[in-house]
Amino acid sequence: MPNYKLGPEDGILSVRTSRTGAVAKAGHDLLIHVTEWSATLDTDAPSLVLDANATSLRVREGTGGMKPLDEDDLANIEQTIDDEVLHKRDIDFRSTSMTVDGDALAVTGDLTLLGATRPLTFDLALADGRVRGTAVVKQTDWGMKPYTALFGALKVADEVRVEVDARLQSL
């Protein structure tokens, strides 16, 4: 199998958050796109390397909540992510092992968030010229404090879903 170089021109790397807390109804579940990222997938080695610009996260959708999100809300959420959640520190992943079974990849590696590096395992599927997969990241495992509002009555759930859906193009 060939090597692949992936980035925003090939597909979407996204983060999905959900809400919890006593007034969860007031908040929104967010779909956030990472707009600056690059990855190299080598199914022969096998290996996966991903780098993401933490300041490139853009809110694409907010569902639920007491009222729809407007442009000011989106800008405030993105600024909060930059300043209070990710502190403008880039994100990277380096695989340490990968098992290839036909079109399925079981990936284990090291994810670095806020300078903390921890192991992460997830599956990817290669089919129809695309790579798709989901990883669940528990923020507190990386020393992150999930965002809260309204004196803690509204919280972003500790677990966020990171999803990729991208077209595969050989190097």
Protein backbone atom coordinates (compact mmCIF):
# COMPACT_ATOMS: atom_id res chain seq x y z
CA MET A 1 0.00 0.00 0.00
CA PRO A 2 1.20 3.52 -0.65
CA ASN A 3 2.01 6.46 1.60
CA TYR A 4 -0.56 9.22 1.96
CA LYS A 5 -0.27 12.91 2.82
CA LEU A 6 -3.48 14.39 4.25
CA GLY A 7 -4.66 17.86 5.14
CA PRO A 8 -7.67 20.19 5.06
CA GLU A 9 -7.71 20.14 1.26
CA ASP A 10 -8.41 16.38 1.43
CA GLY A 11 -11.07 16.27 4.12
CA ILE A 12 -12.22 17.18 7.58
CA LEU A 13 -10.57 16.77 10.97
CA SER A 14 -13.19 17.66 13.55
CA VAL A 15 -13.85 17.74 17.26
CA ARG A 16 -17.31 17.10 18.72
CA THR A 17 -18.11 18.29 22.22
CA SER A 18 -21.16 17.62 24.35
CA ARG A 19 -22.47 19.34 27.46
CA THR A 20 -23.27 18.27 30.95
CA GLY A 21 -24.21 19.87 34.25
CA ALA A 22 -27.33 21.16 35.96
CA VAL A 23 -28.13 23.63 33.17
CA ALA A 24 -26.83 21.62 30.22
CA LYS A 25 -29.95 22.62 28.25
CA ALA A 26 -28.60 26.17 28.10
CA GLY A 27 -25.40 25.14 26.32
CA HIS A 28 -24.61 23.74 22.90
CA ASP A 29 -23.05 20.57 21.58
CA LEU A 30 -20.35 21.80 19.21
CA LEU A 31 -18.94 20.61 15.92
CA ILE A 32 -15.51 22.20 15.53
CA HIS A 33 -13.29 21.86 12.44
CA VAL A 34 -9.51 21.94 12.62
CA THR A 35 -8.69 24.12 9.62
CA GLU A 36 -4.87 23.77 9.67
CA TRP A 37 -3.55 20.22 9.99
CA SER A 38 -1.36 17.73 8.19
CA ALA A 39 -0.94 14.00 8.48
CA THR A 40 1.18 11.32 6.89
CA LEU A 41 -0.13 7.77 6.80
CA ASP A 42 2.26 5.00 5.75
CA THR A 43 0.51 1.64 5.63
CA ASP A 44 3.77 -0.17 4.76
CA ALA A 45 5.84 0.97 7.77
CA PRO A 46 3.08 1.23 9.24
CA SER A 47 2.93 4.68 10.83
CA LEU A 48 0.77 7.76 11.30
CA VAL A 49 1.95 11.28 12.11
CA LEU A 50 -0.47 14.19 12.64
CA ASP A 51 0.19 17.84 13.44
CA ALA A 52 -2.61 20.35 14.12
CA ASN A 53 -2.55 24.09 14.68
CA ALA A 54 -4.50 24.61 17.90
CA THR A 55 -5.48 28.16 16.91
CA SER A 56 -7.19 26.92 13.74
CA LEU A 57 -10.26 25.42 15.44
CA ARG A 58 -13.47 26.91 14.02
CA VAL A 59 -16.97 26.25 15.33
CA ARG A 60 -19.11 25.00 12.44
CA GLU A 61 -22.25 24.05 14.33
CA GLY A 62 -23.85 24.39 17.74
CA THR A 63 -26.86 22.21 18.43
CA GLY A 64 -29.21 22.39 21.38
CA GLY A 65 -29.11 25.34 23.68
CA MET A 66 -31.67 27.94 24.63
CA LYS A 67 -30.95 30.06 21.54
CA PRO A 68 -28.99 29.64 18.30
CA LEU A 69 -25.35 30.70 18.28
CA ASP A 70 -24.68 33.97 16.46
CA GLU A 71 -21.41 35.24 14.96
CA ASP A 72 -20.35 36.88 18.25
CA ASP A 73 -21.01 33.62 20.13
CA LEU A 74 -18.88 31.67 17.64
CA ALA A 75 -16.03 34.17 17.88
CA ASN A 76 -16.18 34.09 21.70
CA ILE A 77 -16.11 30.27 21.76
CA GLU A 78 -13.12 30.18 19.39
CA GLN A 79 -11.28 32.79 21.51
CA THR A 80 -12.00 30.78 24.66
CA ILE A 81 -10.63 27.63 23.02
CA ASP A 82 -7.45 29.53 22.07
CA ASP A 83 -6.93 31.32 25.39
CA GLU A 84 -8.40 29.08 28.08
CA VAL A 85 -8.64 25.53 26.73
CA LEU A 86 -5.69 24.86 24.39
CA HIS A 87 -3.62 27.92 25.34
CA LYS A 88 -2.54 28.25 21.68
CA ARG A 89 -0.37 25.11 22.02
CA ASP A 90 -0.23 22.88 18.97
CA ILE A 91 -1.41 19.29 18.97
CA ASP A 92 0.46 16.31 17.61
CA PHE A 93 0.09 12.55 17.37
CA ARG A 94 2.83 9.99 16.63
CA SER A 95 1.93 6.34 16.22
CA THR A 96 3.94 3.79 18.16
CA SER A 97 2.24 0.75 16.62
CA MET A 98 -0.31 0.05 13.95
CA THR A 99 -1.95 -3.20 12.93
CA VAL A 100 -3.21 -3.42 9.37
CA ASP A 101 -6.00 -5.93 8.75
CA GLY A 102 -7.26 -5.46 5.20
CA ASP A 103 -8.85 -2.01 5.14
CA ALA A 104 -8.92 -1.68 8.95
CA LEU A 105 -6.12 -0.05 10.94
CA ALA A 106 -5.76 -0.34 14.70
CA VAL A 107 -3.58 2.60 15.73
CA THR A 108 -1.80 3.18 19.03
CA GLY A 109 0.40 6.17 19.67
CA ASP A 110 1.22 9.26 21.67
CA LEU A 111 -1.02 12.34 21.61
CA THR A 112 0.47 15.58 22.88
CA LEU A 113 -1.95 18.22 24.21
CA LEU A 114 -0.85 21.22 26.31
CA GLY A 115 2.63 19.73 26.51
CA ALA A 116 1.37 16.48 28.07
CA THR A 117 1.93 13.28 26.08
CA ARG A 118 -0.31 10.30 26.74
CA PRO A 119 -1.15 7.09 24.86
CA LEU A 120 -4.20 6.97 22.61
CA THR A 121 -5.69 4.04 20.70
CA PHE A 122 -8.27 4.25 17.90
CA ASP A 123 -9.35 2.56 14.68
CA LEU A 124 -9.26 3.87 11.13
CA ALA A 125 -11.01 2.46 8.07
CA LEU A 126 -9.67 2.76 4.55
CA ALA A 127 -12.46 2.31 2.01
CA ASP A 128 -13.63 3.88 -1.23
CA GLY A 129 -10.47 5.98 -1.45
CA ARG A 130 -11.05 7.56 1.97
CA VAL A 131 -9.81 7.27 5.54
CA ARG A 132 -12.37 7.55 8.32
CA GLY A 133 -12.11 7.15 12.05
CA THR A 134 -12.95 8.42 15.50
CA ALA A 135 -10.85 8.76 18.64
CA VAL A 136 -12.25 9.61 22.05
CA VAL A 137 -10.07 11.98 24.06
CA LYS A 138 -10.72 12.41 27.77
CA GLN A 139 -9.47 15.92 28.49
CA THR A 140 -8.52 15.31 32.12
CA ASP A 141 -6.14 12.51 31.04
CA TRP A 142 -3.99 15.29 29.54
CA GLY A 143 -4.33 17.60 32.54
CA MET A 144 -6.98 19.72 30.85
CA LYS A 145 -9.85 21.11 32.86
CA PRO A 146 -13.04 20.87 30.79
CA TYR A 147 -14.54 24.29 30.20
CA THR A 148 -17.29 25.40 32.58
CA ALA A 149 -19.69 28.33 32.67
CA LEU A 150 -22.41 29.64 34.96
CA PHE A 151 -20.35 28.83 38.06
CA GLY A 152 -19.90 25.22 36.97
CA ALA A 153 -23.58 24.54 36.28
CA LEU A 154 -22.77 24.18 32.56
CA LYS A 155 -19.81 22.06 31.55
CA VAL A 156 -18.21 20.64 28.44
CA ALA A 157 -18.17 16.87 28.91
CA ASP A 158 -14.72 15.47 29.71
CA GLU A 159 -14.76 13.17 26.68
CA VAL A 160 -14.60 14.75 23.23
CA ARG A 161 -14.72 12.92 19.91
CA VAL A 162 -12.05 13.59 17.31
CA GLU A 163 -13.13 12.48 13.83
CA VAL A 164 -11.41 12.32 10.47
CA ASP A 165 -12.95 11.83 7.04
CA ALA A 166 -10.49 12.49 4.24
CA ARG A 167 -9.74 11.50 0.67
CA LEU A 168 -6.59 9.39 0.29
CA GLN A 169 -4.04 10.64 -2.21
CA SER A 170 -0.78 8.78 -2.68
CA LEU A 171 2.49 10.65 -2.17
